[in-house]
Amino acid sequence: MRKIILIMSFIILGCDNTKTTENNQWTFDATDGSYIQWNGDNSNANEMLHHAMKHMYNVENEKSMTFFEKVLEYDPSLFGPHVVLAGFSLDGSEKQKMHIQKAKELVADNNETSKVFVSLLDLPKGGNWPLVAQGAHDIWSKMRELEPKGKLIHYYYAFSNPDPNDRIKEMELLLSEIRDQKGDTNSLSTSGDHSYMIPPIINSLGYFYYGNGEKDKAKNHFDEYLSLYKSYNSYDSMGEFYYNEGDMENALINYEKAIEMYPSAWSANSMIAKIGELNKS
């Protein structure tokens, strides 16, 4: 499954923050726990950070990268964007080395949870580096012990779980916490509205169920994702479902809808080209 690899590489960030802005639901109070300290005092940087994270959760990496770079223009003191941009950078490049170095320098005065988060950069590089690389689940487990209320932490604790069934179980628990406010009292948020995480969680579960052979559940989740979040990644996910099922006609329809919404969408464009080559053979 091609897209699940992309998700596990870069679907990151977005709940352990503070922001209140009209037309979004980023109302998290970062002072009520030992969360990853993402944002700072610059309101423009925090606004850019919200959009960067929203697009990242929804695997809209082209848009997300632009916003993360803008965050650092407004507030170069933040360590979080450097972690993400290190993952986006060409492996071994000077740009990647710079982001790794800056993340480690800038986190020095932050809390322990933030330092453990940046330690993900020390994991061996691979396709899912750094957030879901080999060994990442152990690091996310440490962060979850430090702050079990953190929704970003819970998300990646679930996502990086090496057992497919446990991965689904934990992601369903997270969904229940956010959507229904039900779950372990130690894990439930004490502030904020994290409902903007619901669509990408449902999308992720669609891939998890498909990978587990539960195709009907997967399709239902992709349908729900599309109803909740009408953007280019929603159509891309549906396109991949049909592609994996061998239904090239419906796959192409959805991929074309994706690039209608965002012409630069790399995944959809590459899949349209691939389907075109298959049709020629």
C-alpha atoms as a PDB file:
ATOM      1  CA  MET A   1       0.000   0.000   0.000  1.00  0.00           C
ATOM      2  CA  ARG A   2       1.793   3.025  -1.327  1.00  0.00           C
ATOM      3  CA  LYS A   3      -0.061   5.796   0.501  1.00  0.00           C
ATOM      4  CA  ILE A   4       0.144   4.247   3.939  1.00  0.00           C
ATOM      5  CA  ILE A   5       3.933   4.542   3.681  1.00  0.00           C
ATOM      6  CA  LEU A   6       3.541   8.251   2.970  1.00  0.00           C
ATOM      7  CA  ILE A   7       1.210   8.625   5.912  1.00  0.00           C
ATOM      8  CA  MET A   8       3.553   6.797   8.242  1.00  0.00           C
ATOM      9  CA  SER A   9       6.378   9.010   7.037  1.00  0.00           C
ATOM     10  CA  PHE A  10       4.823  12.421   7.362  1.00  0.00           C
ATOM     11  CA  ILE A  11       1.282  12.633   8.669  1.00  0.00           C
ATOM     12  CA  ILE A  12       2.501  14.453  11.686  1.00  0.00           C
ATOM     13  CA  LEU A  13       1.875  17.044  14.311  1.00  0.00           C
ATOM     14  CA  GLY A  14      -1.009  19.049  15.530  1.00  0.00           C
ATOM     15  CA  CYS A  15      -2.563  18.724  18.972  1.00  0.00           C
ATOM     16  CA  ASP A  16      -0.161  19.733  21.692  1.00  0.00           C
ATOM     17  CA  ASN A  17      -0.442  23.449  20.949  1.00  0.00           C
ATOM     18  CA  THR A  18      -2.140  26.690  21.939  1.00  0.00           C
ATOM     19  CA  LYS A  19      -4.237  28.678  19.469  1.00  0.00           C
ATOM     20  CA  THR A  20      -7.633  30.317  19.314  1.00  0.00           C
ATOM     21  CA  THR A  21      -8.582  31.694  15.919  1.00  0.00           C
ATOM     22  CA  GLU A  22     -11.922  32.214  14.226  1.00  0.00           C
ATOM     23  CA  ASN A  23     -12.891  29.321  11.952  1.00  0.00           C
ATOM     24  CA  ASN A  24     -10.560  26.813  13.551  1.00  0.00           C
ATOM     25  CA  GLN A  25     -10.733  24.695  16.687  1.00  0.00           C
ATOM     26  CA  TRP A  26      -7.228  25.004  18.041  1.00  0.00           C
ATOM     27  CA  THR A  27      -8.065  25.913  21.640  1.00  0.00           C
ATOM     28  CA  PHE A  28      -5.609  23.700  23.477  1.00  0.00           C
ATOM     29  CA  ASP A  29      -4.138  24.987  26.764  1.00  0.00           C
ATOM     30  CA  ALA A  30      -0.495  23.906  26.755  1.00  0.00           C
ATOM     31  CA  THR A  31      -0.010  24.916  30.390  1.00  0.00           C
ATOM     32  CA  ASP A  32      -2.040  22.078  31.929  1.00  0.00           C
ATOM     33  CA  GLY A  33       0.520  19.342  31.316  1.00  0.00           C
ATOM     34  CA  SER A  34       4.020  18.396  30.185  1.00  0.00           C
ATOM     35  CA  TYR A  35       3.297  18.510  26.459  1.00  0.00           C
ATOM     36  CA  ILE A  36       5.633  18.888  23.502  1.00  0.00           C
ATOM     37  CA  GLN A  37       6.227  22.636  23.423  1.00  0.00           C
ATOM     38  CA  TRP A  38       5.464  23.444  19.806  1.00  0.00           C
ATOM     39  CA  ASN A  39       4.546  27.094  19.710  1.00  0.00           C
ATOM     40  CA  GLY A  40       5.909  30.360  21.042  1.00  0.00           C
ATOM     41  CA  ASP A  41       4.929  33.980  21.554  1.00  0.00           C
ATOM     42  CA  ASN A  42       4.643  35.053  17.925  1.00  0.00           C
ATOM     43  CA  SER A  43       0.969  34.910  16.897  1.00  0.00           C
ATOM     44  CA  ASN A  44       1.768  34.788  13.170  1.00  0.00           C
ATOM     45  CA  ALA A  45       4.088  31.817  13.683  1.00  0.00           C
ATOM     46  CA  ASN A  46       1.451  30.048  15.753  1.00  0.00           C
ATOM     47  CA  GLU A  47      -1.157  30.651  13.055  1.00  0.00           C
ATOM     48  CA  MET A  48       1.144  29.242  10.378  1.00  0.00           C
ATOM     49  CA  LEU A  49       1.875  26.296  12.671  1.00  0.00           C
ATOM     50  CA  HIS A  50      -1.810  25.460  12.955  1.00  0.00           C
ATOM     51  CA  HIS A  51      -2.214  25.296   9.183  1.00  0.00           C
ATOM     52  CA  ALA A  52       1.045  23.376   8.741  1.00  0.00           C
ATOM     53  CA  MET A  53      -0.101  20.744  11.180  1.00  0.00           C
ATOM     54  CA  LYS A  54      -3.604  20.486   9.769  1.00  0.00           C
ATOM     55  CA  HIS A  55      -2.241  19.817   6.284  1.00  0.00           C
ATOM     56  CA  MET A  56       0.356  17.426   7.676  1.00  0.00           C
ATOM     57  CA  TYR A  57      -2.211  15.335   9.500  1.00  0.00           C
ATOM     58  CA  ASN A  58      -4.121  15.084   6.220  1.00  0.00           C
ATOM     59  CA  VAL A  59      -1.000  14.065   4.252  1.00  0.00           C
ATOM     60  CA  GLU A  60      -1.076  17.277   2.226  1.00  0.00           C
ATOM     61  CA  ASN A  61       2.667  17.540   2.479  1.00  0.00           C
ATOM     62  CA  GLU A  62       3.183  20.025  -0.343  1.00  0.00           C
ATOM     63  CA  LYS A  63       1.120  22.644   1.508  1.00  0.00           C
ATOM     64  CA  SER A  64       2.388  21.635   4.918  1.00  0.00           C
ATOM     65  CA  MET A  65       6.043  22.118   4.073  1.00  0.00           C
ATOM     66  CA  THR A  66       5.381  25.661   2.883  1.00  0.00           C
ATOM     67  CA  PHE A  67       3.630  26.550   6.135  1.00  0.00           C
ATOM     68  CA  PHE A  68       6.363  25.010   8.301  1.00  0.00           C
ATOM     69  CA  GLU A  69       8.995  27.053   6.488  1.00  0.00           C
ATOM     70  CA  LYS A  70       6.881  30.163   7.040  1.00  0.00           C
ATOM     71  CA  VAL A  71       6.648  29.360  10.768  1.00  0.00           C
ATOM     72  CA  LEU A  72      10.416  29.642  11.043  1.00  0.00           C
ATOM     73  CA  GLU A  73      10.434  32.957   9.203  1.00  0.00           C
ATOM     74  CA  TYR A  74       8.159  34.388  11.887  1.00  0.00           C
ATOM     75  CA  ASP A  75       9.761  32.594  14.850  1.00  0.00           C
ATOM     76  CA  PRO A  76      13.184  30.994  14.261  1.00  0.00           C
ATOM     77  CA  SER A  77      13.357  29.930  17.930  1.00  0.00           C
ATOM     78  CA  LEU A  78      10.953  26.986  17.513  1.00  0.00           C
ATOM     79  CA  PHE A  79      12.406  23.465  17.409  1.00  0.00           C
ATOM     80  CA  GLY A  80       9.328  21.548  16.174  1.00  0.00           C
ATOM     81  CA  PRO A  81       9.290  22.717  12.550  1.00  0.00           C
ATOM     82  CA  HIS A  82      12.940  21.698  12.201  1.00  0.00           C
ATOM     83  CA  VAL A  83      12.054  18.111  13.150  1.00  0.00           C
ATOM     84  CA  VAL A  84       9.386  17.981  10.462  1.00  0.00           C
ATOM     85  CA  LEU A  85      11.490  19.708   7.827  1.00  0.00           C
ATOM     86  CA  ALA A  86      14.382  17.331   8.528  1.00  0.00           C
ATOM     87  CA  GLY A  87      12.024  14.518   7.576  1.00  0.00           C
ATOM     88  CA  PHE A  88      11.018  16.315   4.389  1.00  0.00           C
ATOM     89  CA  SER A  89      14.585  17.112   3.350  1.00  0.00           C
ATOM     90  CA  LEU A  90      16.662  15.075   0.948  1.00  0.00           C
ATOM     91  CA  ASP A  91      18.391  12.371   2.964  1.00  0.00           C
ATOM     92  CA  GLY A  92      21.954  13.309   3.791  1.00  0.00           C
ATOM     93  CA  SER A  93      21.632  16.822   2.391  1.00  0.00           C
ATOM     94  CA  GLU A  94      23.102  19.912   4.041  1.00  0.00           C
ATOM     95  CA  LYS A  95      19.567  21.183   4.545  1.00  0.00           C
ATOM     96  CA  GLN A  96      18.617  18.063   6.466  1.00  0.00           C
ATOM     97  CA  LYS A  97      21.750  18.304   8.598  1.00  0.00           C
ATOM     98  CA  MET A  98      20.945  21.944   9.355  1.00  0.00           C
ATOM     99  CA  HIS A  99      17.404  21.120  10.500  1.00  0.00           C
ATOM    100  CA  ILE A 100      18.662  18.304  12.733  1.00  0.00           C
ATOM    101  CA  GLN A 101      21.287  20.540  14.295  1.00  0.00           C
ATOM    102  CA  LYS A 102      18.852  23.428  14.868  1.00  0.00           C
ATOM    103  CA  ALA A 103      16.197  21.177  16.406  1.00  0.00           C
ATOM    104  CA  LYS A 104      18.715  19.825  18.916  1.00  0.00           C
ATOM    105  CA  GLU A 105      20.075  23.276  19.737  1.00  0.00           C
ATOM    106  CA  LEU A 106      16.686  24.941  20.145  1.00  0.00           C
ATOM    107  CA  VAL A 107      15.116  22.265  22.351  1.00  0.00           C
ATOM    108  CA  ALA A 108      17.808  22.634  25.030  1.00  0.00           C
ATOM    109  CA  ASP A 109      15.705  24.896  27.279  1.00  0.00           C
ATOM    110  CA  ASN A 110      12.418  23.063  26.760  1.00  0.00           C
ATOM    111  CA  ASN A 111      10.778  20.371  28.880  1.00  0.00           C
ATOM    112  CA  GLU A 112      11.703  16.693  29.001  1.00  0.00           C
ATOM    113  CA  THR A 113       8.865  15.618  26.700  1.00  0.00           C
ATOM    114  CA  SER A 114      10.115  17.993  24.017  1.00  0.00           C
ATOM    115  CA  LYS A 115      13.662  16.662  24.355  1.00  0.00           C
ATOM    116  CA  VAL A 116      12.460  13.075  24.013  1.00  0.00           C
ATOM    117  CA  PHE A 117      10.508  14.120  20.908  1.00  0.00           C
ATOM    118  CA  VAL A 118      13.621  15.604  19.281  1.00  0.00           C
ATOM    119  CA  SER A 119      15.501  12.375  20.086  1.00  0.00           C
ATOM    120  CA  LEU A 120      13.476  10.786  17.272  1.00  0.00           C
ATOM    121  CA  LEU A 121      16.048  12.408  14.986  1.00  0.00           C
ATOM    122  CA  ASP A 122      18.675  10.003  16.349  1.00  0.00           C
ATOM    123  CA  LEU A 123      16.859   6.973  14.939  1.00  0.00           C
ATOM    124  CA  PRO A 124      18.294   5.261  11.854  1.00  0.00           C
ATOM    125  CA  LYS A 125      17.026   6.941   8.719  1.00  0.00           C
ATOM    126  CA  GLY A 126      14.549   5.100   6.564  1.00  0.00           C
ATOM    127  CA  GLY A 127      11.354   5.630   4.620  1.00  0.00           C
ATOM    128  CA  ASN A 128       9.367   6.442   7.733  1.00  0.00           C
ATOM    129  CA  TRP A 129      11.972   8.601   9.476  1.00  0.00           C
ATOM    130  CA  PRO A 130      11.812  10.180  11.961  1.00  0.00           C
ATOM    131  CA  LEU A 131       8.290   9.867  13.425  1.00  0.00           C
ATOM    132  CA  VAL A 132       7.521   6.257  12.587  1.00  0.00           C
ATOM    133  CA  ALA A 133      11.013   4.916  12.014  1.00  0.00           C
ATOM    134  CA  GLN A 134      12.255   1.668  13.487  1.00  0.00           C
ATOM    135  CA  GLY A 135      12.411   2.189  17.240  1.00  0.00           C
ATOM    136  CA  ALA A 136      10.025   5.159  17.231  1.00  0.00           C
ATOM    137  CA  HIS A 137       7.350   3.350  19.232  1.00  0.00           C
ATOM    138  CA  ASP A 138       9.685   3.080  22.216  1.00  0.00           C
ATOM    139  CA  ILE A 139      10.277   6.836  22.112  1.00  0.00           C
ATOM    140  CA  TRP A 140       6.591   7.661  21.749  1.00  0.00           C
ATOM    141  CA  SER A 141       5.924   5.317  24.677  1.00  0.00           C
ATOM    142  CA  LYS A 142       8.302   7.384  26.816  1.00  0.00           C
ATOM    143  CA  MET A 143       6.466  10.560  25.822  1.00  0.00           C
ATOM    144  CA  ARG A 144       3.132   8.953  26.607  1.00  0.00           C
ATOM    145  CA  GLU A 145       4.403   8.111  30.092  1.00  0.00           C
ATOM    146  CA  LEU A 146       5.513  11.714  30.560  1.00  0.00           C
ATOM    147  CA  GLU A 147       2.221  13.173  29.305  1.00  0.00           C
ATOM    148  CA  PRO A 148      -0.628  10.715  28.623  1.00  0.00           C
ATOM    149  CA  LYS A 149      -3.075  13.522  27.771  1.00  0.00           C
ATOM    150  CA  GLY A 150      -1.120  14.614  24.714  1.00  0.00           C
ATOM    151  CA  LYS A 151      -3.146  13.829  21.602  1.00  0.00           C
ATOM    152  CA  LEU A 152      -0.218  14.145  19.209  1.00  0.00           C
ATOM    153  CA  ILE A 153       1.689  11.766  21.436  1.00  0.00           C
ATOM    154  CA  HIS A 154      -1.223   9.316  21.584  1.00  0.00           C
ATOM    155  CA  TYR A 155      -1.603   9.497  17.810  1.00  0.00           C
ATOM    156  CA  TYR A 156       1.982   8.504  17.141  1.00  0.00           C
ATOM    157  CA  TYR A 157       2.062   6.050  19.992  1.00  0.00           C
ATOM    158  CA  ALA A 158      -0.779   4.299  18.147  1.00  0.00           C
ATOM    159  CA  PHE A 159       0.607   4.842  14.659  1.00  0.00           C
ATOM    160  CA  SER A 160       4.074   3.518  15.425  1.00  0.00           C
ATOM    161  CA  ASN A 161       2.828   0.365  17.152  1.00  0.00           C
ATOM    162  CA  PRO A 162       4.409  -2.583  15.319  1.00  0.00           C
ATOM    163  CA  ASP A 163       1.387  -4.844  15.900  1.00  0.00           C
ATOM    164  CA  PRO A 164      -1.379  -4.132  13.329  1.00  0.00           C
ATOM    165  CA  ASN A 165      -4.201  -5.083  15.698  1.00  0.00           C
ATOM    166  CA  ASP A 166      -2.817  -3.002  18.561  1.00  0.00           C
ATOM    167  CA  ARG A 167      -2.339  -0.108  16.142  1.00  0.00           C
ATOM    168  CA  ILE A 168      -6.031  -0.213  15.248  1.00  0.00           C
ATOM    169  CA  LYS A 169      -7.083  -0.618  18.868  1.00  0.00           C
ATOM    170  CA  GLU A 170      -5.110   2.390  20.072  1.00  0.00           C
ATOM    171  CA  MET A 171      -6.227   4.568  17.165  1.00  0.00           C
ATOM    172  CA  GLU A 172      -9.865   3.665  17.853  1.00  0.00           C
ATOM    173  CA  LEU A 173      -9.323   4.578  21.523  1.00  0.00           C
ATOM    174  CA  LEU A 174      -7.910   7.936  20.477  1.00  0.00           C
ATOM    175  CA  LEU A 175     -10.872   8.524  18.171  1.00  0.00           C
ATOM    176  CA  SER A 176     -13.270   7.785  21.030  1.00  0.00           C
ATOM    177  CA  GLU A 177     -11.417  10.168  23.334  1.00  0.00           C
ATOM    178  CA  ILE A 178     -11.668  13.016  20.856  1.00  0.00           C
ATOM    179  CA  ARG A 179     -15.073  12.367  19.302  1.00  0.00           C
ATOM    180  CA  ASP A 180     -16.973  11.040  22.318  1.00  0.00           C
ATOM    181  CA  GLN A 181     -14.832  12.271  25.243  1.00  0.00           C
ATOM    182  CA  LYS A 182     -14.749   8.682  26.508  1.00  0.00           C
ATOM    183  CA  GLY A 183     -11.755   6.694  27.668  1.00  0.00           C
ATOM    184  CA  ASP A 184      -9.113   6.409  30.348  1.00  0.00           C
ATOM    185  CA  THR A 185      -9.375   9.465  32.593  1.00  0.00           C
ATOM    186  CA  ASN A 186      -5.579   9.759  32.660  1.00  0.00           C
ATOM    187  CA  SER A 187      -5.541  10.012  28.865  1.00  0.00           C
ATOM    188  CA  LEU A 188      -8.520  12.302  28.291  1.00  0.00           C
ATOM    189  CA  SER A 189      -7.741  15.934  27.488  1.00  0.00           C
ATOM    190  CA  THR A 190      -8.413  18.451  30.206  1.00  0.00           C
ATOM    191  CA  SER A 191      -8.711  21.367  27.791  1.00  0.00           C
ATOM    192  CA  GLY A 192      -9.252  22.154  24.148  1.00  0.00           C
ATOM    193  CA  ASP A 193     -11.214  20.960  21.157  1.00  0.00           C
ATOM    194  CA  HIS A 194      -9.233  18.437  19.131  1.00  0.00           C
ATOM    195  CA  SER A 195     -12.034  17.565  16.728  1.00  0.00           C
ATOM    196  CA  TYR A 196      -9.986  18.703  13.724  1.00  0.00           C
ATOM    197  CA  MET A 197      -8.005  15.482  14.239  1.00  0.00           C
ATOM    198  CA  ILE A 198     -11.041  13.281  13.598  1.00  0.00           C
ATOM    199  CA  PRO A 199     -10.867  13.233   9.760  1.00  0.00           C
ATOM    200  CA  PRO A 200      -7.170  12.249   9.529  1.00  0.00           C
ATOM    201  CA  ILE A 201      -7.622   9.622  12.248  1.00  0.00           C
ATOM    202  CA  ILE A 202     -10.474   8.112  10.228  1.00  0.00           C
ATOM    203  CA  ASN A 203      -8.323   8.210   7.095  1.00  0.00           C
ATOM    204  CA  SER A 204      -5.497   6.432   8.908  1.00  0.00           C
ATOM    205  CA  LEU A 205      -7.895   3.787  10.203  1.00  0.00           C
ATOM    206  CA  GLY A 206      -9.058   3.228   6.633  1.00  0.00           C
ATOM    207  CA  TYR A 207      -5.508   2.281   5.662  1.00  0.00           C
ATOM    208  CA  PHE A 208      -5.011   0.195   8.791  1.00  0.00           C
ATOM    209  CA  TYR A 209      -8.181  -1.800   8.167  1.00  0.00           C
ATOM    210  CA  TYR A 210      -7.302  -2.277   4.508  1.00  0.00           C
ATOM    211  CA  GLY A 211      -3.864  -3.547   5.476  1.00  0.00           C
ATOM    212  CA  ASN A 212      -5.569  -5.954   7.868  1.00  0.00           C
ATOM    213  CA  GLY A 213      -7.749  -7.331   5.054  1.00  0.00           C
ATOM    214  CA  GLU A 214     -10.957  -5.670   6.312  1.00  0.00           C
ATOM    215  CA  LYS A 215     -11.832  -3.999   3.040  1.00  0.00           C
ATOM    216  CA  ASP A 216     -15.459  -3.131   3.789  1.00  0.00           C
ATOM    217  CA  LYS A 217     -14.430  -1.308   6.952  1.00  0.00           C
ATOM    218  CA  ALA A 218     -11.677   0.431   5.049  1.00  0.00           C
ATOM    219  CA  LYS A 219     -14.078   1.655   2.352  1.00  0.00           C
ATOM    220  CA  ASN A 220     -16.512   2.924   4.995  1.00  0.00           C
ATOM    221  CA  HIS A 221     -13.722   4.888   6.632  1.00  0.00           C
ATOM    222  CA  PHE A 222     -12.613   6.423   3.329  1.00  0.00           C
ATOM    223  CA  ASP A 223     -16.222   7.393   2.588  1.00  0.00           C
ATOM    224  CA  GLU A 224     -16.495   9.011   6.007  1.00  0.00           C
ATOM    225  CA  TYR A 225     -13.187  10.823   5.547  1.00  0.00           C
ATOM    226  CA  LEU A 226     -14.406  12.267   2.264  1.00  0.00           C
ATOM    227  CA  SER A 227     -17.653  13.432   3.870  1.00  0.00           C
ATOM    228  CA  LEU A 228     -15.773  15.135   6.721  1.00  0.00           C
ATOM    229  CA  TYR A 229     -12.835  16.623   4.847  1.00  0.00           C
ATOM    230  CA  LYS A 230     -13.333  17.552   1.213  1.00  0.00           C
ATOM    231  CA  SER A 231      -9.807  18.216   0.090  1.00  0.00           C
ATOM    232  CA  TYR A 232      -7.358  16.704  -2.353  1.00  0.00           C
ATOM    233  CA  ASN A 233      -6.088  14.053   0.022  1.00  0.00           C
ATOM    234  CA  SER A 234      -9.610  12.742   0.624  1.00  0.00           C
ATOM    235  CA  TYR A 235      -9.953  11.967  -3.074  1.00  0.00           C
ATOM    236  CA  ASP A 236      -6.392  10.648  -3.191  1.00  0.00           C
ATOM    237  CA  SER A 237      -7.183   8.125  -0.453  1.00  0.00           C
ATOM    238  CA  MET A 238     -10.329   6.999  -2.243  1.00  0.00           C
ATOM    239  CA  GLY A 239      -8.363   6.767  -5.467  1.00  0.00           C
ATOM    240  CA  GLU A 240      -5.830   4.495  -3.831  1.00  0.00           C
ATOM    241  CA  PHE A 241      -8.547   2.268  -2.436  1.00  0.00           C
ATOM    242  CA  TYR A 242      -9.934   1.696  -5.926  1.00  0.00           C
ATOM    243  CA  TYR A 243      -6.450   1.317  -7.389  1.00  0.00           C
ATOM    244  CA  ASN A 244      -5.582  -1.414  -4.896  1.00  0.00           C
ATOM    245  CA  GLU A 245      -8.873  -3.099  -5.738  1.00  0.00           C
ATOM    246  CA  GLY A 246      -7.984  -3.079  -9.434  1.00  0.00           C
ATOM    247  CA  ASP A 247     -10.791  -0.623 -10.333  1.00  0.00           C
ATOM    248  CA  MET A 248      -8.764   1.743 -12.502  1.00  0.00           C
ATOM    249  CA  GLU A 249     -11.797   3.651 -13.765  1.00  0.00           C
ATOM    250  CA  ASN A 250     -12.903   4.818 -10.317  1.00  0.00           C
ATOM    251  CA  ALA A 251      -9.303   5.249  -9.207  1.00  0.00           C
ATOM    252  CA  LEU A 252      -8.692   7.647 -12.093  1.00  0.00           C
ATOM    253  CA  ILE A 253     -11.916   9.564 -11.363  1.00  0.00           C
ATOM    254  CA  ASN A 254     -10.833  10.199  -7.783  1.00  0.00           C
ATOM    255  CA  TYR A 255      -7.240  11.048  -8.620  1.00  0.00           C
ATOM    256  CA  GLU A 256      -8.457  13.557 -11.198  1.00  0.00           C
ATOM    257  CA  LYS A 257     -10.738  15.130  -8.573  1.00  0.00           C
ATOM    258  CA  ALA A 258      -7.709  15.425  -6.311  1.00  0.00           C
ATOM    259  CA  ILE A 259      -5.683  17.394  -8.823  1.00  0.00           C
ATOM    260  CA  GLU A 260      -8.708  19.545  -9.675  1.00  0.00           C
ATOM    261  CA  MET A 261      -8.586  20.664  -6.045  1.00  0.00           C
ATOM    262  CA  TYR A 262      -4.788  20.976  -5.951  1.00  0.00           C
ATOM    263  CA  PRO A 263      -2.968  20.630  -9.282  1.00  0.00           C
ATOM    264  CA  SER A 264       0.442  20.189  -7.623  1.00  0.00           C
ATOM    265  CA  ALA A 265      -0.602  17.125  -5.611  1.00  0.00           C
ATOM    266  CA  TRP A 266       2.381  14.825  -6.174  1.00  0.00           C
ATOM    267  CA  SER A 267       0.730  11.531  -5.221  1.00  0.00           C
ATOM    268  CA  ALA A 268      -2.345  11.982  -7.415  1.00  0.00           C
ATOM    269  CA  ASN A 269      -0.320  13.175 -10.401  1.00  0.00           C
ATOM    270  CA  SER A 270       2.097  10.265 -10.162  1.00  0.00           C
ATOM    271  CA  MET A 271      -0.761   7.764  -9.892  1.00  0.00           C
ATOM    272  CA  ILE A 272      -2.560   9.239 -12.895  1.00  0.00           C
ATOM    273  CA  ALA A 273       0.659   8.804 -14.885  1.00  0.00           C
ATOM    274  CA  LYS A 274       1.012   5.242 -13.617  1.00  0.00           C
ATOM    275  CA  ILE A 275      -2.564   4.355 -14.588  1.00  0.00           C
ATOM    276  CA  GLY A 276      -1.950   5.890 -18.000  1.00  0.00           C
ATOM    277  CA  GLU A 277       1.042   3.620 -18.498  1.00  0.00           C
ATOM    278  CA  LEU A 278      -0.981   0.596 -17.408  1.00  0.00           C
ATOM    279  CA  ASN A 279      -3.720   1.474 -19.897  1.00  0.00           C
ATOM    280  CA  LYS A 280      -1.175   1.585 -22.699  1.00  0.00           C
ATOM    281  CA  SER A 281       0.156  -1.889 -21.994  1.00  0.00           C
END
